[in-house]
Amino acid sequence: ALASEMRRGQKRVILLWLAGGASQLETFDPKPGAPTGGPFRAIQTDVPGLQISELMPKMATRMKDVCVVRGLN
């Protein structure tokens, strides 16, 4: 029922499950300037105050359309 309702509303979800993939320090949480930060620079995105890894310059231009959930369970 939920899937058909989402189809009617033209809603889409993309889940990036990075099990075994690139770490958060190399993608969406580079921790610039911190001793525990990753090896890559942080670059500014099109969202003021939000930075991501320099490895994803095209993603940086599209962050206004992205919801990043930074959490740990």
Protein backbone atom coordinates (compact mmCIF):
# COMPACT_ATOMS: atom_id res chain seq x y z
CA ALA A 1 0.00 0.00 0.00
CA LEU A 2 2.79 2.41 0.88
CA ALA A 3 4.66 1.71 -2.36
CA SER A 4 1.64 2.50 -4.53
CA GLU A 5 0.98 5.69 -2.52
CA MET A 6 4.59 6.79 -3.03
CA ARG A 7 4.30 6.05 -6.77
CA ARG A 8 1.28 8.34 -7.00
CA GLY A 9 3.10 11.11 -5.16
CA GLN A 10 6.25 10.69 -7.30
CA LYS A 11 8.43 10.21 -4.21
CA ARG A 12 11.79 8.50 -4.54
CA VAL A 13 14.37 7.34 -2.00
CA ILE A 14 17.97 6.31 -2.62
CA LEU A 15 19.64 4.56 0.30
CA LEU A 16 23.43 4.44 0.23
CA TRP A 17 24.47 1.53 2.43
CA LEU A 18 28.25 1.79 2.57
CA ALA A 19 29.05 -1.53 4.23
CA GLY A 20 32.61 -2.12 3.10
CA GLY A 21 32.60 1.05 1.00
CA ALA A 22 34.37 4.36 1.45
CA SER A 23 34.49 5.65 5.02
CA GLN A 24 32.59 8.70 6.25
CA LEU A 25 35.92 10.57 6.40
CA GLU A 26 36.30 10.09 2.62
CA THR A 27 32.71 11.03 1.77
CA PHE A 28 30.16 13.05 3.74
CA ASP A 29 31.94 13.79 7.06
CA PRO A 30 35.57 14.74 6.37
CA LYS A 31 36.15 16.56 9.74
CA PRO A 32 38.42 19.30 8.31
CA GLY A 33 41.20 20.41 10.62
CA ALA A 34 40.51 17.74 13.24
CA PRO A 35 43.30 15.32 14.25
CA THR A 36 40.87 12.47 13.61
CA GLY A 37 39.95 13.76 10.14
CA GLY A 38 40.50 11.91 6.91
CA PRO A 39 43.32 12.33 4.40
CA PHE A 40 41.32 14.48 1.96
CA ARG A 41 40.35 18.17 1.97
CA ALA A 42 36.81 19.29 2.68
CA ILE A 43 35.08 21.38 0.00
CA GLN A 44 32.10 23.68 0.34
CA THR A 45 28.77 22.51 -1.10
CA ASP A 46 25.85 24.53 -2.43
CA VAL A 47 24.40 24.39 1.12
CA PRO A 48 25.99 27.09 3.33
CA GLY A 49 28.08 25.56 6.12
CA LEU A 50 27.98 22.00 4.75
CA GLN A 51 31.24 20.50 3.55
CA ILE A 52 31.99 17.12 2.00
CA SER A 53 35.13 15.41 0.74
CA GLU A 54 37.02 16.83 -2.20
CA LEU A 55 36.54 13.43 -3.86
CA MET A 56 32.92 14.33 -4.67
CA PRO A 57 32.89 17.72 -6.46
CA LYS A 58 29.78 16.94 -8.54
CA MET A 59 27.88 15.84 -5.44
CA ALA A 60 28.85 19.14 -3.78
CA THR A 61 26.90 21.00 -6.47
CA ARG A 62 23.79 18.89 -5.78
CA MET A 63 23.65 18.89 -1.97
CA LYS A 64 20.61 21.19 -1.88
CA ASP A 65 18.65 18.15 -3.12
CA VAL A 66 20.18 15.68 -0.64
CA CYS A 67 19.35 14.81 2.97
CA VAL A 68 22.40 13.65 4.91
CA VAL A 69 21.62 11.83 8.15
CA ARG A 70 24.70 11.76 10.33
CA GLY A 71 23.98 9.32 13.10
CA LEU A 72 25.36 6.34 14.90
CA ASN A 73 23.42 3.48 16.39
